[in-house]
């Protein structure tokens, strides 16, 4: 990386893969320290050390929400620390994260320590896993749809069940979330209006009202956590605008709302600073956000750091 200002993009659930972070762990003492701290903080809470699940799986366990969320948070922070160790501190203009990744961005902004953030995302993942098991929910990706078309599909397919837009990932890519029967109907409705629809392999109906029990319990958990004011701009998934730099209680409410409201990722990215000297860097794992940015704004080049 050069000395230019950077915008840091932080991946969300779905980016996980067995082996994630292992190359960073082996190449960087700073990255290794992050995984070691994560193992110490979580202990045997996940049934095995977090690093062992990240590096060796099994896939089925890594993909469970209560594991994938702390795993991605840890891997992202490890890659960031590894980059800083290798190339020095960079002036960070702003950060944004997709869903879970918003917690990574807030950690980079100094809102909470790594250990505090890890406990938060581990609790969030556990609560969302439990809410998913208590309901029969699913998600469907609409390809080629805009916001208005997604709303039409929801209205025609929901009947007396829950079905809402959950993720505005990029132009032409909207994810719906709700009761699994409504998701099945949405696939048929989408075909009728000449849209492509693909059911997603997910644990539950994330970013929908079916996550309200998890959101309520997360609110109670957050109430006991002291947040610091962010020292860089961090985009909110809920509003597609920067979080308040002063009101940390509002910031907590936004994180709770995020669990039941749509993620406005495309809208957030369009608001981020993109003058010619600013570089965009995506933390590990994967390169999902680089791919989405190509559809959001092709002029913005994103460097991904899945590997050292």
C-alpha atoms as a PDB file:
ATOM      1  CA  UNK A   1       0.000   0.000   0.000  1.00  0.00           C
ATOM      2  CA  UNK A   2       1.126   3.572  -0.660  1.00  0.00           C
ATOM      3  CA  UNK A   3       0.847   6.555   1.690  1.00  0.00           C
ATOM      4  CA  UNK A   4      -2.530   7.634   0.291  1.00  0.00           C
ATOM      5  CA  UNK A   5      -5.629   7.716   2.491  1.00  0.00           C
ATOM      6  CA  UNK A   6      -7.642   4.511   2.494  1.00  0.00           C
ATOM      7  CA  UNK A   7     -11.212   3.307   2.864  1.00  0.00           C
ATOM      8  CA  UNK A   8     -11.346  -0.114   4.525  1.00  0.00           C
ATOM      9  CA  UNK A   9     -14.093  -2.572   3.530  1.00  0.00           C
ATOM     10  CA  UNK A  10     -14.933  -5.395   5.945  1.00  0.00           C
ATOM     11  CA  UNK A  11     -16.648  -8.606   4.760  1.00  0.00           C
ATOM     12  CA  UNK A  12     -19.744 -10.165   6.273  1.00  0.00           C
ATOM     13  CA  UNK A  13     -21.160 -13.630   6.789  1.00  0.00           C
ATOM     14  CA  UNK A  14     -20.862 -15.799   3.707  1.00  0.00           C
ATOM     15  CA  UNK A  15     -17.212 -14.920   3.069  1.00  0.00           C
ATOM     16  CA  UNK A  16     -15.985 -17.737   5.310  1.00  0.00           C
ATOM     17  CA  UNK A  17     -14.077 -20.720   3.925  1.00  0.00           C
ATOM     18  CA  UNK A  18     -11.972 -23.435   5.517  1.00  0.00           C
ATOM     19  CA  UNK A  19      -8.352 -22.298   5.635  1.00  0.00           C
ATOM     20  CA  UNK A  20      -9.267 -18.646   6.092  1.00  0.00           C
ATOM     21  CA  UNK A  21      -6.559 -16.615   7.801  1.00  0.00           C
ATOM     22  CA  UNK A  22      -4.031 -19.466   7.958  1.00  0.00           C
ATOM     23  CA  UNK A  23      -1.601 -17.799   5.554  1.00  0.00           C
ATOM     24  CA  UNK A  24      -1.825 -14.557   7.565  1.00  0.00           C
ATOM     25  CA  UNK A  25      -1.247 -16.503  10.779  1.00  0.00           C
ATOM     26  CA  UNK A  26       1.896 -18.075   9.325  1.00  0.00           C
ATOM     27  CA  UNK A  27       3.237 -14.920   7.674  1.00  0.00           C
ATOM     28  CA  UNK A  28       2.646 -12.271  10.352  1.00  0.00           C
ATOM     29  CA  UNK A  29       3.341 -12.173  14.053  1.00  0.00           C
ATOM     30  CA  UNK A  30       0.694  -9.478  14.471  1.00  0.00           C
ATOM     31  CA  UNK A  31      -1.929 -11.575  12.696  1.00  0.00           C
ATOM     32  CA  UNK A  32      -0.953 -14.643  14.732  1.00  0.00           C
ATOM     33  CA  UNK A  33      -1.419 -12.624  17.920  1.00  0.00           C
ATOM     34  CA  UNK A  34      -5.004 -11.813  16.915  1.00  0.00           C
ATOM     35  CA  UNK A  35      -5.897 -15.484  16.418  1.00  0.00           C
ATOM     36  CA  UNK A  36      -4.142 -16.395  19.670  1.00  0.00           C
ATOM     37  CA  UNK A  37      -6.133 -13.738  21.529  1.00  0.00           C
ATOM     38  CA  UNK A  38      -9.373 -14.977  19.959  1.00  0.00           C
ATOM     39  CA  UNK A  39      -8.633 -18.517  21.114  1.00  0.00           C
ATOM     40  CA  UNK A  40      -7.978 -17.232  24.622  1.00  0.00           C
ATOM     41  CA  UNK A  41     -11.115 -15.051  24.760  1.00  0.00           C
ATOM     42  CA  UNK A  42     -13.502 -17.722  23.453  1.00  0.00           C
ATOM     43  CA  UNK A  43     -11.806 -20.753  25.009  1.00  0.00           C
ATOM     44  CA  UNK A  44     -13.853 -23.891  24.308  1.00  0.00           C
ATOM     45  CA  UNK A  45     -17.077 -21.934  23.787  1.00  0.00           C
ATOM     46  CA  UNK A  46     -17.302 -23.142  20.171  1.00  0.00           C
ATOM     47  CA  UNK A  47     -16.306 -26.731  20.951  1.00  0.00           C
ATOM     48  CA  UNK A  48     -12.791 -26.199  19.581  1.00  0.00           C
ATOM     49  CA  UNK A  49     -10.347 -23.281  19.336  1.00  0.00           C
ATOM     50  CA  UNK A  50     -11.577 -20.696  16.839  1.00  0.00           C
ATOM     51  CA  UNK A  51      -8.283 -20.829  14.929  1.00  0.00           C
ATOM     52  CA  UNK A  52      -8.576 -24.614  14.544  1.00  0.00           C
ATOM     53  CA  UNK A  53     -12.043 -24.284  13.005  1.00  0.00           C
ATOM     54  CA  UNK A  54     -10.907 -21.460  10.701  1.00  0.00           C
ATOM     55  CA  UNK A  55      -7.842 -23.344   9.481  1.00  0.00           C
ATOM     56  CA  UNK A  56      -9.170 -26.906   9.378  1.00  0.00           C
ATOM     57  CA  UNK A  57     -12.953 -26.850   9.517  1.00  0.00           C
ATOM     58  CA  UNK A  58     -15.082 -28.847   9.248  1.00  0.00           C
ATOM     59  CA  UNK A  59     -17.004 -26.745   6.740  1.00  0.00           C
ATOM     60  CA  UNK A  60     -20.346 -27.561   8.348  1.00  0.00           C
ATOM     61  CA  UNK A  61     -19.227 -26.114  11.683  1.00  0.00           C
ATOM     62  CA  UNK A  62     -17.540 -23.047  10.175  1.00  0.00           C
ATOM     63  CA  UNK A  63     -20.714 -22.235   8.252  1.00  0.00           C
ATOM     64  CA  UNK A  64     -22.871 -22.194  11.373  1.00  0.00           C
ATOM     65  CA  UNK A  65     -23.755 -18.647  12.336  1.00  0.00           C
ATOM     66  CA  UNK A  66     -22.392 -18.839  15.874  1.00  0.00           C
ATOM     67  CA  UNK A  67     -18.949 -19.738  14.466  1.00  0.00           C
ATOM     68  CA  UNK A  68     -18.777 -17.912  11.135  1.00  0.00           C
ATOM     69  CA  UNK A  69     -19.408 -14.490  12.661  1.00  0.00           C
ATOM     70  CA  UNK A  70     -16.549 -14.492  15.218  1.00  0.00           C
ATOM     71  CA  UNK A  71     -14.370 -16.305  12.660  1.00  0.00           C
ATOM     72  CA  UNK A  72     -14.796 -13.615  10.012  1.00  0.00           C
ATOM     73  CA  UNK A  73     -14.346 -10.803  12.536  1.00  0.00           C
ATOM     74  CA  UNK A  74     -11.094 -12.374  13.764  1.00  0.00           C
ATOM     75  CA  UNK A  75      -9.757 -13.084  10.273  1.00  0.00           C
ATOM     76  CA  UNK A  76     -10.503  -9.519   9.126  1.00  0.00           C
ATOM     77  CA  UNK A  77      -8.771  -7.924  12.110  1.00  0.00           C
ATOM     78  CA  UNK A  78      -5.816 -10.303  11.732  1.00  0.00           C
ATOM     79  CA  UNK A  79      -5.336  -9.308   8.095  1.00  0.00           C
ATOM     80  CA  UNK A  80      -5.536  -5.619   9.016  1.00  0.00           C
ATOM     81  CA  UNK A  81      -2.966  -5.993  11.783  1.00  0.00           C
ATOM     82  CA  UNK A  82      -0.763  -7.978   9.407  1.00  0.00           C
ATOM     83  CA  UNK A  83      -0.951  -5.224   6.802  1.00  0.00           C
ATOM     84  CA  UNK A  84      -0.031  -2.584   9.378  1.00  0.00           C
ATOM     85  CA  UNK A  85       2.885  -4.698  10.611  1.00  0.00           C
ATOM     86  CA  UNK A  86       4.178  -5.127   7.064  1.00  0.00           C
ATOM     87  CA  UNK A  87       3.599  -1.679   5.628  1.00  0.00           C
ATOM     88  CA  UNK A  88       3.081   0.671   8.577  1.00  0.00           C
ATOM     89  CA  UNK A  89       0.086   2.670   9.751  1.00  0.00           C
ATOM     90  CA  UNK A  90      -2.008   4.241   7.006  1.00  0.00           C
ATOM     91  CA  UNK A  91      -4.311   7.258   7.244  1.00  0.00           C
ATOM     92  CA  UNK A  92      -7.784   5.668   7.229  1.00  0.00           C
ATOM     93  CA  UNK A  93     -10.447   8.062   5.921  1.00  0.00           C
ATOM     94  CA  UNK A  94     -13.410   5.752   6.474  1.00  0.00           C
ATOM     95  CA  UNK A  95     -14.531   2.157   6.966  1.00  0.00           C
ATOM     96  CA  UNK A  96     -17.608   0.170   6.109  1.00  0.00           C
ATOM     97  CA  UNK A  97     -18.666  -3.403   6.690  1.00  0.00           C
ATOM     98  CA  UNK A  98     -21.354  -5.610   5.207  1.00  0.00           C
ATOM     99  CA  UNK A  99     -23.701  -6.651   8.033  1.00  0.00           C
ATOM    100  CA  UNK A 100     -21.379  -8.440  10.493  1.00  0.00           C
ATOM    101  CA  UNK A 101     -18.495  -6.493   8.934  1.00  0.00           C
ATOM    102  CA  UNK A 102     -19.875  -3.305  10.455  1.00  0.00           C
ATOM    103  CA  UNK A 103     -18.526  -4.551  13.800  1.00  0.00           C
ATOM    104  CA  UNK A 104     -15.059  -4.912  12.263  1.00  0.00           C
ATOM    105  CA  UNK A 105     -15.264  -1.364  10.912  1.00  0.00           C
ATOM    106  CA  UNK A 106     -16.318  -0.049  14.328  1.00  0.00           C
ATOM    107  CA  UNK A 107     -13.417  -1.849  15.986  1.00  0.00           C
ATOM    108  CA  UNK A 108     -11.011  -0.222  13.523  1.00  0.00           C
ATOM    109  CA  UNK A 109     -12.600   3.107  14.477  1.00  0.00           C
ATOM    110  CA  UNK A 110     -11.746   2.545  18.140  1.00  0.00           C
ATOM    111  CA  UNK A 111     -15.328   2.057  19.328  1.00  0.00           C
ATOM    112  CA  UNK A 112     -14.389  -1.124  21.191  1.00  0.00           C
ATOM    113  CA  UNK A 113     -11.324  -3.332  21.662  1.00  0.00           C
ATOM    114  CA  UNK A 114     -10.743  -6.533  19.720  1.00  0.00           C
ATOM    115  CA  UNK A 115     -11.688  -8.674  22.727  1.00  0.00           C
ATOM    116  CA  UNK A 116     -14.881  -6.661  23.318  1.00  0.00           C
ATOM    117  CA  UNK A 117     -15.782  -6.824  19.636  1.00  0.00           C
ATOM    118  CA  UNK A 118     -15.168 -10.556  19.548  1.00  0.00           C
ATOM    119  CA  UNK A 119     -17.497 -11.098  22.490  1.00  0.00           C
ATOM    120  CA  UNK A 120     -20.119  -8.931  20.779  1.00  0.00           C
ATOM    121  CA  UNK A 121     -20.037 -10.795  17.470  1.00  0.00           C
ATOM    122  CA  UNK A 122     -19.899 -14.171  19.222  1.00  0.00           C
ATOM    123  CA  UNK A 123     -23.049 -13.227  21.136  1.00  0.00           C
ATOM    124  CA  UNK A 124     -24.677 -11.846  17.977  1.00  0.00           C
ATOM    125  CA  UNK A 125     -23.916 -15.048  16.082  1.00  0.00           C
ATOM    126  CA  UNK A 126     -25.246 -17.230  18.893  1.00  0.00           C
ATOM    127  CA  UNK A 127     -28.470 -15.230  19.195  1.00  0.00           C
ATOM    128  CA  UNK A 128     -29.055 -15.265  15.439  1.00  0.00           C
ATOM    129  CA  UNK A 129     -28.386 -19.005  15.331  1.00  0.00           C
ATOM    130  CA  UNK A 130     -30.959 -19.542  18.083  1.00  0.00           C
ATOM    131  CA  UNK A 131     -33.521 -17.297  16.366  1.00  0.00           C
ATOM    132  CA  UNK A 132     -32.983 -19.197  13.126  1.00  0.00           C
ATOM    133  CA  UNK A 133     -33.550 -22.544  14.836  1.00  0.00           C
ATOM    134  CA  UNK A 134     -36.751 -21.207  16.432  1.00  0.00           C
ATOM    135  CA  UNK A 135     -38.268 -20.184  13.086  1.00  0.00           C
ATOM    136  CA  UNK A 136     -38.460 -21.664   9.600  1.00  0.00           C
ATOM    137  CA  UNK A 137     -36.839 -18.945   7.541  1.00  0.00           C
ATOM    138  CA  UNK A 138     -34.823 -18.549   4.387  1.00  0.00           C
ATOM    139  CA  UNK A 139     -33.379 -16.057   1.918  1.00  0.00           C
ATOM    140  CA  UNK A 140     -33.645 -15.649  -1.856  1.00  0.00           C
ATOM    141  CA  UNK A 141     -31.377 -13.647  -4.161  1.00  0.00           C
ATOM    142  CA  UNK A 142     -33.137 -11.696  -6.917  1.00  0.00           C
ATOM    143  CA  UNK A 143     -30.899 -11.115  -9.926  1.00  0.00           C
ATOM    144  CA  UNK A 144     -31.711  -8.151 -12.137  1.00  0.00           C
ATOM    145  CA  UNK A 145     -34.139  -6.556  -9.674  1.00  0.00           C
ATOM    146  CA  UNK A 146     -34.220  -3.003  -8.411  1.00  0.00           C
ATOM    147  CA  UNK A 147     -35.769  -1.929  -5.108  1.00  0.00           C
ATOM    148  CA  UNK A 148     -39.225  -1.394  -6.589  1.00  0.00           C
ATOM    149  CA  UNK A 149     -39.281  -4.788  -8.278  1.00  0.00           C
ATOM    150  CA  UNK A 150     -38.138  -6.468  -5.069  1.00  0.00           C
ATOM    151  CA  UNK A 151     -41.009  -4.843  -3.181  1.00  0.00           C
ATOM    152  CA  UNK A 152     -43.484  -6.070  -5.805  1.00  0.00           C
ATOM    153  CA  UNK A 153     -42.202  -9.647  -5.488  1.00  0.00           C
ATOM    154  CA  UNK A 154     -42.500  -9.433  -1.702  1.00  0.00           C
ATOM    155  CA  UNK A 155     -46.070  -8.135  -1.808  1.00  0.00           C
ATOM    156  CA  UNK A 156     -47.180 -10.819  -4.256  1.00  0.00           C
ATOM    157  CA  UNK A 157     -45.422 -13.690  -2.459  1.00  0.00           C
ATOM    158  CA  UNK A 158     -45.756 -12.878   1.235  1.00  0.00           C
ATOM    159  CA  UNK A 159     -49.479 -13.718   1.688  1.00  0.00           C
ATOM    160  CA  UNK A 160     -49.849 -13.825   5.494  1.00  0.00           C
ATOM    161  CA  UNK A 161     -46.165 -14.498   6.170  1.00  0.00           C
ATOM    162  CA  UNK A 162     -42.928 -12.518   6.517  1.00  0.00           C
ATOM    163  CA  UNK A 163     -41.052 -11.592   3.340  1.00  0.00           C
ATOM    164  CA  UNK A 164     -38.953  -8.422   3.063  1.00  0.00           C
ATOM    165  CA  UNK A 165     -35.956  -7.046   1.149  1.00  0.00           C
ATOM    166  CA  UNK A 166     -32.947  -7.820   3.344  1.00  0.00           C
ATOM    167  CA  UNK A 167     -29.832  -6.835   1.394  1.00  0.00           C
ATOM    168  CA  UNK A 168     -29.314  -4.240  -1.306  1.00  0.00           C
ATOM    169  CA  UNK A 169     -25.899  -5.586  -2.268  1.00  0.00           C
ATOM    170  CA  UNK A 170     -25.399  -4.020  -5.696  1.00  0.00           C
ATOM    171  CA  UNK A 171     -27.430  -2.818  -8.670  1.00  0.00           C
ATOM    172  CA  UNK A 172     -29.442  -5.791  -9.854  1.00  0.00           C
ATOM    173  CA  UNK A 173     -28.753  -7.852  -6.737  1.00  0.00           C
ATOM    174  CA  UNK A 174     -31.350  -7.743  -3.968  1.00  0.00           C
ATOM    175  CA  UNK A 175     -31.785 -10.460  -1.343  1.00  0.00           C
ATOM    176  CA  UNK A 176     -35.197 -11.227   0.163  1.00  0.00           C
ATOM    177  CA  UNK A 177     -35.659 -12.748   3.609  1.00  0.00           C
ATOM    178  CA  UNK A 178     -38.567 -14.309   5.482  1.00  0.00           C
ATOM    179  CA  UNK A 179     -40.580 -17.445   6.086  1.00  0.00           C
ATOM    180  CA  UNK A 180     -39.286 -20.277   3.931  1.00  0.00           C
ATOM    181  CA  UNK A 181     -42.690 -20.885   2.320  1.00  0.00           C
ATOM    182  CA  UNK A 182     -42.857 -17.220   1.300  1.00  0.00           C
ATOM    183  CA  UNK A 183     -39.322 -17.490  -0.082  1.00  0.00           C
ATOM    184  CA  UNK A 184     -40.422 -20.480  -2.174  1.00  0.00           C
ATOM    185  CA  UNK A 185     -43.353 -18.466  -3.520  1.00  0.00           C
ATOM    186  CA  UNK A 186     -40.999 -15.574  -4.286  1.00  0.00           C
ATOM    187  CA  UNK A 187     -38.978 -17.806  -6.627  1.00  0.00           C
ATOM    188  CA  UNK A 188     -42.133 -18.527  -8.639  1.00  0.00           C
ATOM    189  CA  UNK A 189     -43.286 -14.899  -8.616  1.00  0.00           C
ATOM    190  CA  UNK A 190     -39.850 -13.748  -9.772  1.00  0.00           C
ATOM    191  CA  UNK A 191     -40.046 -16.064 -12.761  1.00  0.00           C
ATOM    192  CA  UNK A 192     -43.472 -14.652 -13.632  1.00  0.00           C
ATOM    193  CA  UNK A 193     -42.053 -11.107 -13.754  1.00  0.00           C
ATOM    194  CA  UNK A 194     -38.961 -12.272 -15.675  1.00  0.00           C
ATOM    195  CA  UNK A 195     -36.440 -12.035 -12.844  1.00  0.00           C
ATOM    196  CA  UNK A 196     -33.969 -14.716 -11.824  1.00  0.00           C
ATOM    197  CA  UNK A 197     -34.282 -15.950  -8.246  1.00  0.00           C
ATOM    198  CA  UNK A 198     -31.936 -18.258  -6.376  1.00  0.00           C
ATOM    199  CA  UNK A 199     -32.649 -19.681  -2.892  1.00  0.00           C
ATOM    200  CA  UNK A 200     -29.611 -19.191  -0.635  1.00  0.00           C
ATOM    201  CA  UNK A 201     -28.121 -21.787   1.687  1.00  0.00           C
ATOM    202  CA  UNK A 202     -28.398 -19.882   4.959  1.00  0.00           C
ATOM    203  CA  UNK A 203     -29.318 -20.729   8.535  1.00  0.00           C
ATOM    204  CA  UNK A 204     -32.322 -18.409   8.688  1.00  0.00           C
ATOM    205  CA  UNK A 205     -34.126 -15.240   7.672  1.00  0.00           C
ATOM    206  CA  UNK A 206     -31.459 -12.664   8.505  1.00  0.00           C
ATOM    207  CA  UNK A 207     -32.302  -8.937   8.448  1.00  0.00           C
ATOM    208  CA  UNK A 208     -36.008  -9.658   8.730  1.00  0.00           C
ATOM    209  CA  UNK A 209     -38.606  -9.447  11.539  1.00  0.00           C
ATOM    210  CA  UNK A 210     -37.933 -13.128  12.259  1.00  0.00           C
ATOM    211  CA  UNK A 211     -34.678 -11.971  13.903  1.00  0.00           C
ATOM    212  CA  UNK A 212     -36.542  -9.738  16.389  1.00  0.00           C
ATOM    213  CA  UNK A 213     -36.012 -12.123  19.356  1.00  0.00           C
ATOM    214  CA  UNK A 214     -32.261 -12.016  18.686  1.00  0.00           C
ATOM    215  CA  UNK A 215     -32.351  -8.226  18.310  1.00  0.00           C
ATOM    216  CA  UNK A 216     -34.141  -7.781  21.633  1.00  0.00           C
ATOM    217  CA  UNK A 217     -31.587  -9.904  23.462  1.00  0.00           C
ATOM    218  CA  UNK A 218     -28.701  -8.183  21.670  1.00  0.00           C
ATOM    219  CA  UNK A 219     -30.037  -4.802  22.806  1.00  0.00           C
ATOM    220  CA  UNK A 220     -29.932  -5.976  26.412  1.00  0.00           C
ATOM    221  CA  UNK A 221     -26.377  -7.253  25.967  1.00  0.00           C
ATOM    222  CA  UNK A 222     -25.197  -4.008  24.333  1.00  0.00           C
ATOM    223  CA  UNK A 223     -26.662  -1.914  27.134  1.00  0.00           C
ATOM    224  CA  UNK A 224     -23.887  -3.093  29.450  1.00  0.00           C
ATOM    225  CA  UNK A 225     -21.051  -2.391  26.978  1.00  0.00           C
ATOM    226  CA  UNK A 226     -19.260   0.976  26.981  1.00  0.00           C
ATOM    227  CA  UNK A 227     -18.690   2.286  23.453  1.00  0.00           C
ATOM    228  CA  UNK A 228     -16.108   4.932  22.605  1.00  0.00           C
ATOM    229  CA  UNK A 229     -16.781   7.601  19.988  1.00  0.00           C
ATOM    230  CA  UNK A 230     -15.580   6.509  16.529  1.00  0.00           C
ATOM    231  CA  UNK A 231     -12.357   8.213  15.475  1.00  0.00           C
ATOM    232  CA  UNK A 232     -12.972   7.667  11.761  1.00  0.00           C
ATOM    233  CA  UNK A 233     -16.120   7.722   9.633  1.00  0.00           C
ATOM    234  CA  UNK A 234     -18.019   4.414   9.697  1.00  0.00           C
ATOM    235  CA  UNK A 235     -21.019   3.796   7.463  1.00  0.00           C
ATOM    236  CA  UNK A 236     -24.245   2.452   8.939  1.00  0.00           C
ATOM    237  CA  UNK A 237     -25.893  -0.444   7.104  1.00  0.00           C
ATOM    238  CA  UNK A 238     -29.311   0.765   8.282  1.00  0.00           C
ATOM    239  CA  UNK A 239     -29.164   4.391   7.127  1.00  0.00           C
ATOM    240  CA  UNK A 240     -26.447   4.231   4.425  1.00  0.00           C
ATOM    241  CA  UNK A 241     -24.995   7.287   6.157  1.00  0.00           C
ATOM    242  CA  UNK A 242     -22.087   7.724   8.581  1.00  0.00           C
ATOM    243  CA  UNK A 243     -22.707   6.794  12.195  1.00  0.00           C
ATOM    244  CA  UNK A 244     -22.905   9.687  14.638  1.00  0.00           C
ATOM    245  CA  UNK A 245     -19.448  10.660  15.884  1.00  0.00           C
ATOM    246  CA  UNK A 246     -20.937  11.725  19.230  1.00  0.00           C
ATOM    247  CA  UNK A 247     -23.994   9.614  20.135  1.00  0.00           C
ATOM    248  CA  UNK A 248     -22.779   6.134  21.072  1.00  0.00           C
ATOM    249  CA  UNK A 249     -26.216   5.087  22.354  1.00  0.00           C
ATOM    250  CA  UNK A 250     -27.677   5.802  18.914  1.00  0.00           C
ATOM    251  CA  UNK A 251     -24.858   3.737  17.434  1.00  0.00           C
ATOM    252  CA  UNK A 252     -25.916   0.797  19.620  1.00  0.00           C
ATOM    253  CA  UNK A 253     -29.537   1.188  18.504  1.00  0.00           C
ATOM    254  CA  UNK A 254     -28.449   1.128  14.874  1.00  0.00           C
ATOM    255  CA  UNK A 255     -26.609  -2.167  15.462  1.00  0.00           C
ATOM    256  CA  UNK A 256     -29.767  -3.651  16.968  1.00  0.00           C
ATOM    257  CA  UNK A 257     -31.917  -2.323  14.103  1.00  0.00           C
ATOM    258  CA  UNK A 258     -29.458  -3.802  11.618  1.00  0.00           C
ATOM    259  CA  UNK A 259     -30.490  -7.311  12.664  1.00  0.00           C
ATOM    260  CA  UNK A 260     -34.097  -6.819  11.493  1.00  0.00           C
ATOM    261  CA  UNK A 261     -33.771  -4.164   8.776  1.00  0.00           C
ATOM    262  CA  UNK A 262     -32.277  -4.282   5.274  1.00  0.00           C
ATOM    263  CA  UNK A 263     -28.557  -3.817   4.696  1.00  0.00           C
ATOM    264  CA  UNK A 264     -28.065  -0.845   2.367  1.00  0.00           C
ATOM    265  CA  UNK A 265     -24.609  -1.788   1.145  1.00  0.00           C
ATOM    266  CA  UNK A 266     -24.851  -0.409  -2.399  1.00  0.00           C
ATOM    267  CA  UNK A 267     -26.203   2.897  -1.105  1.00  0.00           C
ATOM    268  CA  UNK A 268     -23.438   3.081   1.513  1.00  0.00           C
ATOM    269  CA  UNK A 269     -20.693   2.487  -1.041  1.00  0.00           C
ATOM    270  CA  UNK A 270     -22.031   5.249  -3.266  1.00  0.00           C
ATOM    271  CA  UNK A 271     -21.645   7.689  -0.356  1.00  0.00           C
ATOM    272  CA  UNK A 272     -18.054   6.801   0.463  1.00  0.00           C
ATOM    273  CA  UNK A 273     -15.253   9.234  -0.514  1.00  0.00           C
ATOM    274  CA  UNK A 274     -13.831   8.335  -3.926  1.00  0.00           C
ATOM    275  CA  UNK A 275     -11.509  11.164  -4.952  1.00  0.00           C
ATOM    276  CA  UNK A 276      -8.510  10.139  -7.032  1.00  0.00           C
ATOM    277  CA  UNK A 277      -6.039   9.725  -4.169  1.00  0.00           C
ATOM    278  CA  UNK A 278      -8.139   7.450  -1.934  1.00  0.00           C
ATOM    279  CA  UNK A 279      -7.503   3.713  -2.075  1.00  0.00           C
ATOM    280  CA  UNK A 280     -10.059   1.031  -1.220  1.00  0.00           C
ATOM    281  CA  UNK A 281      -8.813  -2.072   0.595  1.00  0.00           C
ATOM    282  CA  UNK A 282     -10.883  -5.170   1.468  1.00  0.00           C
ATOM    283  CA  UNK A 283      -9.871  -7.228   4.474  1.00  0.00           C
ATOM    284  CA  UNK A 284      -9.804 -11.032   4.569  1.00  0.00           C
ATOM    285  CA  UNK A 285     -11.484 -13.413   4.032  1.00  0.00           C
ATOM    286  CA  UNK A 286     -12.392 -13.571   0.354  1.00  0.00           C
ATOM    287  CA  UNK A 287     -13.031 -10.872  -2.223  1.00  0.00           C
ATOM    288  CA  UNK A 288     -16.835 -10.596  -2.166  1.00  0.00           C
ATOM    289  CA  UNK A 289     -16.858  -6.839  -1.621  1.00  0.00           C
ATOM    290  CA  UNK A 290     -14.469  -6.204  -4.501  1.00  0.00           C
ATOM    291  CA  UNK A 291     -16.893  -8.056  -6.758  1.00  0.00           C
ATOM    292  CA  UNK A 292     -19.859  -6.052  -5.505  1.00  0.00           C
ATOM    293  CA  UNK A 293     -18.001  -2.770  -5.982  1.00  0.00           C
ATOM    294  CA  UNK A 294     -17.475  -3.589  -9.650  1.00  0.00           C
ATOM    295  CA  UNK A 295     -21.259  -3.495 -10.000  1.00  0.00           C
ATOM    296  CA  UNK A 296     -21.764  -0.475  -7.738  1.00  0.00           C
ATOM    297  CA  UNK A 297     -19.065   1.817  -9.179  1.00  0.00           C
ATOM    298  CA  UNK A 298     -16.621   0.422 -11.723  1.00  0.00           C
ATOM    299  CA  UNK A 299     -14.366   3.450 -11.303  1.00  0.00           C
ATOM    300  CA  UNK A 300     -13.511   2.375  -7.749  1.00  0.00           C
ATOM    301  CA  UNK A 301     -10.717  -0.194  -7.655  1.00  0.00           C
ATOM    302  CA  UNK A 302     -10.616  -2.394  -4.571  1.00  0.00           C
ATOM    303  CA  UNK A 303      -7.524  -4.312  -3.443  1.00  0.00           C
ATOM    304  CA  UNK A 304      -8.431  -7.477  -1.545  1.00  0.00           C
ATOM    305  CA  UNK A 305      -6.181  -8.988   1.114  1.00  0.00           C
ATOM    306  CA  UNK A 306      -7.406 -12.547   1.436  1.00  0.00           C
ATOM    307  CA  UNK A 307      -3.743 -13.606   1.284  1.00  0.00           C
ATOM    308  CA  UNK A 308      -0.664 -11.761   2.634  1.00  0.00           C
END
